């Protein structure tokens, strides 16, 4: 009987944390605000999470798992490569639609922070899974055989520098638009039927 209560409380905390982090960034949000939005006490928070960083890690894990599930489902769909790319871009944009510029900057601008290190580790893990999925798509003939998934992953890692570049980010109304533009540029031309 305790297990459902634990899961419910944990879910409330992760949902409240995600909503607040996505809107205001990591550093501006306090544990008290998370607890208030989740409807739990601060004491209860510390039963589930050692600190705010641990909650953020759980939220990032959940977001990565949800994204990978959607990505695999898309890659297994029996649709043309062009449509896969279109949906992949939309999925990326939807996945980042509510994330504030502050949250992105909080993670990537604070070199050496535990959260940045964790995000880099998580990005590496998901990147490996994405490369495997792209290779499977190549084997099935959805993408060109000469397309190198490693290059796409390396390019996507450089997105961190682009996302935190104040001059470039000022060109876009929000992070979502910027990520969408970067994604379109990176994915252009990897469909199996396209030749340059």
C-alpha atoms as a PDB file:
ATOM      1  CA  UNK A   1       0.000   0.000   0.000  1.00  0.00           C
ATOM      2  CA  UNK A   2       2.954   2.358   0.590  1.00  0.00           C
ATOM      3  CA  UNK A   3       4.332   1.852  -2.941  1.00  0.00           C
ATOM      4  CA  UNK A   4       1.473   3.661  -4.812  1.00  0.00           C
ATOM      5  CA  UNK A   5       1.687   6.581  -2.347  1.00  0.00           C
ATOM      6  CA  UNK A   6       5.449   6.814  -2.888  1.00  0.00           C
ATOM      7  CA  UNK A   7       5.052   6.752  -6.658  1.00  0.00           C
ATOM      8  CA  UNK A   8       2.289   9.338  -6.520  1.00  0.00           C
ATOM      9  CA  UNK A   9       4.346  11.706  -4.350  1.00  0.00           C
ATOM     10  CA  UNK A  10       7.424  11.212  -6.509  1.00  0.00           C
ATOM     11  CA  UNK A  11       5.362  11.919  -9.612  1.00  0.00           C
ATOM     12  CA  UNK A  12       3.985  15.096  -8.057  1.00  0.00           C
ATOM     13  CA  UNK A  13       7.504  16.281  -7.248  1.00  0.00           C
ATOM     14  CA  UNK A  14       8.932  15.483 -10.671  1.00  0.00           C
ATOM     15  CA  UNK A  15       5.989  17.087 -12.460  1.00  0.00           C
ATOM     16  CA  UNK A  16       6.179  20.221 -10.309  1.00  0.00           C
ATOM     17  CA  UNK A  17       9.953  20.407 -10.705  1.00  0.00           C
ATOM     18  CA  UNK A  18       9.764  19.955 -14.455  1.00  0.00           C
ATOM     19  CA  UNK A  19       7.122  22.650 -14.874  1.00  0.00           C
ATOM     20  CA  UNK A  20       9.090  25.130 -12.763  1.00  0.00           C
ATOM     21  CA  UNK A  21      12.532  24.318 -14.198  1.00  0.00           C
ATOM     22  CA  UNK A  22      11.242  24.442 -17.768  1.00  0.00           C
ATOM     23  CA  UNK A  23       9.650  27.848 -17.135  1.00  0.00           C
ATOM     24  CA  UNK A  24      12.135  29.643 -14.862  1.00  0.00           C
ATOM     25  CA  UNK A  25      15.381  27.689 -15.136  1.00  0.00           C
ATOM     26  CA  UNK A  26      17.167  25.590 -12.546  1.00  0.00           C
ATOM     27  CA  UNK A  27      18.878  28.194 -10.363  1.00  0.00           C
ATOM     28  CA  UNK A  28      15.877  30.479  -9.811  1.00  0.00           C
ATOM     29  CA  UNK A  29      13.596  27.696  -8.560  1.00  0.00           C
ATOM     30  CA  UNK A  30      13.745  26.761  -4.885  1.00  0.00           C
ATOM     31  CA  UNK A  31      12.905  23.497  -3.155  1.00  0.00           C
ATOM     32  CA  UNK A  32      10.164  25.390  -1.320  1.00  0.00           C
ATOM     33  CA  UNK A  33       8.528  26.393  -4.621  1.00  0.00           C
ATOM     34  CA  UNK A  34       8.697  22.831  -5.900  1.00  0.00           C
ATOM     35  CA  UNK A  35       7.106  21.541  -2.683  1.00  0.00           C
ATOM     36  CA  UNK A  36       4.398  24.204  -2.800  1.00  0.00           C
ATOM     37  CA  UNK A  37       3.496  23.319  -6.405  1.00  0.00           C
ATOM     38  CA  UNK A  38       3.573  19.578  -5.644  1.00  0.00           C
ATOM     39  CA  UNK A  39       1.482  19.998  -2.504  1.00  0.00           C
ATOM     40  CA  UNK A  40       4.019  18.280  -0.266  1.00  0.00           C
ATOM     41  CA  UNK A  41       6.193  19.345   2.643  1.00  0.00           C
ATOM     42  CA  UNK A  42       9.886  20.093   2.385  1.00  0.00           C
ATOM     43  CA  UNK A  43      10.503  17.154   4.698  1.00  0.00           C
ATOM     44  CA  UNK A  44       8.707  14.896   2.215  1.00  0.00           C
ATOM     45  CA  UNK A  45      10.846  16.263  -0.626  1.00  0.00           C
ATOM     46  CA  UNK A  46      14.017  15.162   1.145  1.00  0.00           C
ATOM     47  CA  UNK A  47      12.646  11.637   1.611  1.00  0.00           C
ATOM     48  CA  UNK A  48      12.676  11.262  -2.168  1.00  0.00           C
ATOM     49  CA  UNK A  49      15.538  13.475  -3.318  1.00  0.00           C
ATOM     50  CA  UNK A  50      18.812  14.404  -1.686  1.00  0.00           C
ATOM     51  CA  UNK A  51      18.663  17.890  -3.230  1.00  0.00           C
ATOM     52  CA  UNK A  52      17.333  19.930  -6.131  1.00  0.00           C
ATOM     53  CA  UNK A  53      20.062  18.640  -8.457  1.00  0.00           C
ATOM     54  CA  UNK A  54      18.982  15.031  -7.883  1.00  0.00           C
ATOM     55  CA  UNK A  55      15.409  15.992  -8.746  1.00  0.00           C
ATOM     56  CA  UNK A  56      16.628  17.692 -11.931  1.00  0.00           C
ATOM     57  CA  UNK A  57      18.582  14.555 -12.866  1.00  0.00           C
ATOM     58  CA  UNK A  58      15.451  12.430 -12.450  1.00  0.00           C
ATOM     59  CA  UNK A  59      13.467  14.886 -14.578  1.00  0.00           C
ATOM     60  CA  UNK A  60      16.144  14.797 -17.298  1.00  0.00           C
ATOM     61  CA  UNK A  61      16.178  10.969 -17.163  1.00  0.00           C
ATOM     62  CA  UNK A  62      12.410  10.872 -17.571  1.00  0.00           C
ATOM     63  CA  UNK A  63      12.479  13.361 -20.450  1.00  0.00           C
ATOM     64  CA  UNK A  64      15.251  11.394 -22.204  1.00  0.00           C
ATOM     65  CA  UNK A  65      13.380   8.091 -21.773  1.00  0.00           C
ATOM     66  CA  UNK A  66      10.144   9.602 -23.126  1.00  0.00           C
ATOM     67  CA  UNK A  67      12.020  11.098 -26.066  1.00  0.00           C
ATOM     68  CA  UNK A  68      13.801   7.839 -26.914  1.00  0.00           C
ATOM     69  CA  UNK A  69      10.541   5.903 -26.790  1.00  0.00           C
ATOM     70  CA  UNK A  70       8.922   8.352 -29.214  1.00  0.00           C
ATOM     71  CA  UNK A  71      12.039   8.353 -31.434  1.00  0.00           C
ATOM     72  CA  UNK A  72      12.160   4.545 -31.685  1.00  0.00           C
ATOM     73  CA  UNK A  73       8.460   4.415 -32.446  1.00  0.00           C
ATOM     74  CA  UNK A  74       8.932   6.968 -35.207  1.00  0.00           C
ATOM     75  CA  UNK A  75      11.928   5.149 -36.678  1.00  0.00           C
ATOM     76  CA  UNK A  76       9.961   1.885 -36.742  1.00  0.00           C
ATOM     77  CA  UNK A  77       6.980   3.496 -38.487  1.00  0.00           C
ATOM     78  CA  UNK A  78       6.469   2.379 -42.079  1.00  0.00           C
ATOM     79  CA  UNK A  79       6.690   5.845 -43.634  1.00  0.00           C
ATOM     80  CA  UNK A  80       9.134   7.380 -46.145  1.00  0.00           C
ATOM     81  CA  UNK A  81      12.450   8.855 -44.934  1.00  0.00           C
ATOM     82  CA  UNK A  82      11.319  12.379 -45.774  1.00  0.00           C
ATOM     83  CA  UNK A  83       8.257  12.003 -43.537  1.00  0.00           C
ATOM     84  CA  UNK A  84      10.407  10.503 -40.764  1.00  0.00           C
ATOM     85  CA  UNK A  85      12.665  13.562 -40.905  1.00  0.00           C
ATOM     86  CA  UNK A  86       9.694  15.927 -40.872  1.00  0.00           C
ATOM     87  CA  UNK A  87       8.199  14.181 -37.847  1.00  0.00           C
ATOM     88  CA  UNK A  88      11.594  13.991 -36.126  1.00  0.00           C
ATOM     89  CA  UNK A  89      11.964  17.764 -36.410  1.00  0.00           C
ATOM     90  CA  UNK A  90       8.435  18.272 -35.093  1.00  0.00           C
ATOM     91  CA  UNK A  91       9.122  15.852 -32.243  1.00  0.00           C
ATOM     92  CA  UNK A  92      12.305  17.741 -31.341  1.00  0.00           C
ATOM     93  CA  UNK A  93      10.431  21.040 -31.413  1.00  0.00           C
ATOM     94  CA  UNK A  94       7.552  19.685 -29.315  1.00  0.00           C
ATOM     95  CA  UNK A  95       9.989  18.177 -26.821  1.00  0.00           C
ATOM     96  CA  UNK A  96      11.654  21.528 -26.286  1.00  0.00           C
ATOM     97  CA  UNK A  97       8.627  23.804 -26.683  1.00  0.00           C
ATOM     98  CA  UNK A  98       8.242  24.601 -22.994  1.00  0.00           C
ATOM     99  CA  UNK A  99      11.929  24.739 -22.059  1.00  0.00           C
ATOM    100  CA  UNK A 100      13.064  28.237 -21.200  1.00  0.00           C
ATOM    101  CA  UNK A 101      16.309  29.797 -22.349  1.00  0.00           C
ATOM    102  CA  UNK A 102      17.183  30.098 -18.632  1.00  0.00           C
ATOM    103  CA  UNK A 103      17.050  26.338 -18.127  1.00  0.00           C
ATOM    104  CA  UNK A 104      19.282  25.695 -21.149  1.00  0.00           C
ATOM    105  CA  UNK A 105      21.756  28.304 -19.940  1.00  0.00           C
ATOM    106  CA  UNK A 106      21.661  26.982 -16.362  1.00  0.00           C
ATOM    107  CA  UNK A 107      22.729  23.549 -17.571  1.00  0.00           C
ATOM    108  CA  UNK A 108      25.225  24.398 -20.280  1.00  0.00           C
ATOM    109  CA  UNK A 109      26.745  27.696 -19.119  1.00  0.00           C
ATOM    110  CA  UNK A 110      27.900  26.500 -15.709  1.00  0.00           C
ATOM    111  CA  UNK A 111      31.018  24.560 -16.644  1.00  0.00           C
ATOM    112  CA  UNK A 112      31.899  21.767 -14.283  1.00  0.00           C
ATOM    113  CA  UNK A 113      28.536  21.754 -12.510  1.00  0.00           C
ATOM    114  CA  UNK A 114      27.117  18.379 -11.499  1.00  0.00           C
ATOM    115  CA  UNK A 115      24.062  19.030 -13.625  1.00  0.00           C
ATOM    116  CA  UNK A 116      26.120  19.873 -16.714  1.00  0.00           C
ATOM    117  CA  UNK A 117      28.278  16.772 -16.253  1.00  0.00           C
ATOM    118  CA  UNK A 118      25.169  14.644 -15.827  1.00  0.00           C
ATOM    119  CA  UNK A 119      23.560  16.139 -18.921  1.00  0.00           C
ATOM    120  CA  UNK A 120      26.702  15.402 -20.953  1.00  0.00           C
ATOM    121  CA  UNK A 121      26.673  11.799 -19.710  1.00  0.00           C
ATOM    122  CA  UNK A 122      22.968  11.440 -20.498  1.00  0.00           C
ATOM    123  CA  UNK A 123      23.497  12.984 -23.941  1.00  0.00           C
ATOM    124  CA  UNK A 124      26.261  10.453 -24.604  1.00  0.00           C
ATOM    125  CA  UNK A 125      24.016   7.535 -23.669  1.00  0.00           C
ATOM    126  CA  UNK A 126      21.072   8.708 -25.751  1.00  0.00           C
ATOM    127  CA  UNK A 127      23.427   9.610 -28.591  1.00  0.00           C
ATOM    128  CA  UNK A 128      24.653   6.023 -28.711  1.00  0.00           C
ATOM    129  CA  UNK A 129      21.088   4.728 -28.864  1.00  0.00           C
ATOM    130  CA  UNK A 130      20.243   7.218 -31.601  1.00  0.00           C
ATOM    131  CA  UNK A 131      23.281   6.117 -33.644  1.00  0.00           C
ATOM    132  CA  UNK A 132      22.214   2.466 -33.340  1.00  0.00           C
ATOM    133  CA  UNK A 133      18.724   3.396 -34.493  1.00  0.00           C
ATOM    134  CA  UNK A 134      20.085   5.356 -37.460  1.00  0.00           C
ATOM    135  CA  UNK A 135      22.297   2.399 -38.435  1.00  0.00           C
ATOM    136  CA  UNK A 136      19.256   0.130 -38.322  1.00  0.00           C
ATOM    137  CA  UNK A 137      17.448   2.621 -40.586  1.00  0.00           C
ATOM    138  CA  UNK A 138      20.408   2.502 -42.976  1.00  0.00           C
ATOM    139  CA  UNK A 139      20.254  -1.303 -43.021  1.00  0.00           C
ATOM    140  CA  UNK A 140      16.549  -1.119 -43.842  1.00  0.00           C
ATOM    141  CA  UNK A 141      17.239   1.357 -46.665  1.00  0.00           C
ATOM    142  CA  UNK A 142      15.559   4.389 -45.077  1.00  0.00           C
ATOM    143  CA  UNK A 143      18.793   6.422 -45.014  1.00  0.00           C
ATOM    144  CA  UNK A 144      21.805   6.556 -47.314  1.00  0.00           C
ATOM    145  CA  UNK A 145      24.469   3.939 -46.594  1.00  0.00           C
ATOM    146  CA  UNK A 146      27.220   6.591 -46.819  1.00  0.00           C
ATOM    147  CA  UNK A 147      25.595   8.747 -44.117  1.00  0.00           C
ATOM    148  CA  UNK A 148      27.734   8.677 -40.939  1.00  0.00           C
ATOM    149  CA  UNK A 149      25.607   8.709 -37.761  1.00  0.00           C
ATOM    150  CA  UNK A 150      28.722   9.690 -35.773  1.00  0.00           C
ATOM    151  CA  UNK A 151      28.982  12.958 -37.725  1.00  0.00           C
ATOM    152  CA  UNK A 152      25.368  13.817 -36.989  1.00  0.00           C
ATOM    153  CA  UNK A 153      25.924  13.114 -33.301  1.00  0.00           C
ATOM    154  CA  UNK A 154      29.094  15.253 -33.252  1.00  0.00           C
ATOM    155  CA  UNK A 155      27.217  18.086 -34.952  1.00  0.00           C
ATOM    156  CA  UNK A 156      24.352  17.814 -32.483  1.00  0.00           C
ATOM    157  CA  UNK A 157      26.841  18.046 -29.592  1.00  0.00           C
ATOM    158  CA  UNK A 158      27.970  21.401 -31.001  1.00  0.00           C
ATOM    159  CA  UNK A 159      24.390  22.585 -30.581  1.00  0.00           C
ATOM    160  CA  UNK A 160      25.273  23.296 -26.946  1.00  0.00           C
ATOM    161  CA  UNK A 161      27.640  26.061 -28.049  1.00  0.00           C
ATOM    162  CA  UNK A 162      25.018  27.442 -30.416  1.00  0.00           C
ATOM    163  CA  UNK A 163      22.214  27.365 -27.844  1.00  0.00           C
ATOM    164  CA  UNK A 164      24.248  29.341 -25.322  1.00  0.00           C
ATOM    165  CA  UNK A 165      25.536  31.889 -27.861  1.00  0.00           C
ATOM    166  CA  UNK A 166      23.703  35.065 -26.853  1.00  0.00           C
ATOM    167  CA  UNK A 167      24.227  36.692 -30.258  1.00  0.00           C
ATOM    168  CA  UNK A 168      22.677  33.726 -32.083  1.00  0.00           C
ATOM    169  CA  UNK A 169      19.885  33.115 -29.577  1.00  0.00           C
ATOM    170  CA  UNK A 170      18.864  36.784 -29.932  1.00  0.00           C
ATOM    171  CA  UNK A 171      17.941  36.002 -33.560  1.00  0.00           C
ATOM    172  CA  UNK A 172      15.099  33.740 -32.433  1.00  0.00           C
ATOM    173  CA  UNK A 173      11.919  34.486 -30.467  1.00  0.00           C
ATOM    174  CA  UNK A 174      12.482  31.412 -28.273  1.00  0.00           C
ATOM    175  CA  UNK A 175      14.689  28.353 -27.776  1.00  0.00           C
ATOM    176  CA  UNK A 176      12.154  26.153 -29.545  1.00  0.00           C
ATOM    177  CA  UNK A 177      12.515  28.119 -32.802  1.00  0.00           C
ATOM    178  CA  UNK A 178      16.298  28.053 -32.561  1.00  0.00           C
ATOM    179  CA  UNK A 179      16.425  24.281 -31.944  1.00  0.00           C
ATOM    180  CA  UNK A 180      13.992  23.707 -34.800  1.00  0.00           C
ATOM    181  CA  UNK A 181      16.206  25.687 -37.183  1.00  0.00           C
ATOM    182  CA  UNK A 182      19.374  23.876 -36.074  1.00  0.00           C
ATOM    183  CA  UNK A 183      17.641  20.516 -36.406  1.00  0.00           C
ATOM    184  CA  UNK A 184      16.413  21.299 -39.927  1.00  0.00           C
ATOM    185  CA  UNK A 185      19.914  22.330 -40.969  1.00  0.00           C
ATOM    186  CA  UNK A 186      21.517  19.199 -39.508  1.00  0.00           C
ATOM    187  CA  UNK A 187      18.992  16.703 -40.872  1.00  0.00           C
ATOM    188  CA  UNK A 188      18.762  18.103 -44.403  1.00  0.00           C
ATOM    189  CA  UNK A 189      19.937  15.610 -46.982  1.00  0.00           C
ATOM    190  CA  UNK A 190      20.175  12.357 -45.014  1.00  0.00           C
ATOM    191  CA  UNK A 191      17.149  10.723 -46.665  1.00  0.00           C
ATOM    192  CA  UNK A 192      17.996   7.627 -48.757  1.00  0.00           C
ATOM    193  CA  UNK A 193      16.351   9.015 -51.880  1.00  0.00           C
ATOM    194  CA  UNK A 194      18.205  12.328 -51.846  1.00  0.00           C
ATOM    195  CA  UNK A 195      21.459  12.833 -53.744  1.00  0.00           C
ATOM    196  CA  UNK A 196      23.678  15.895 -53.692  1.00  0.00           C
END
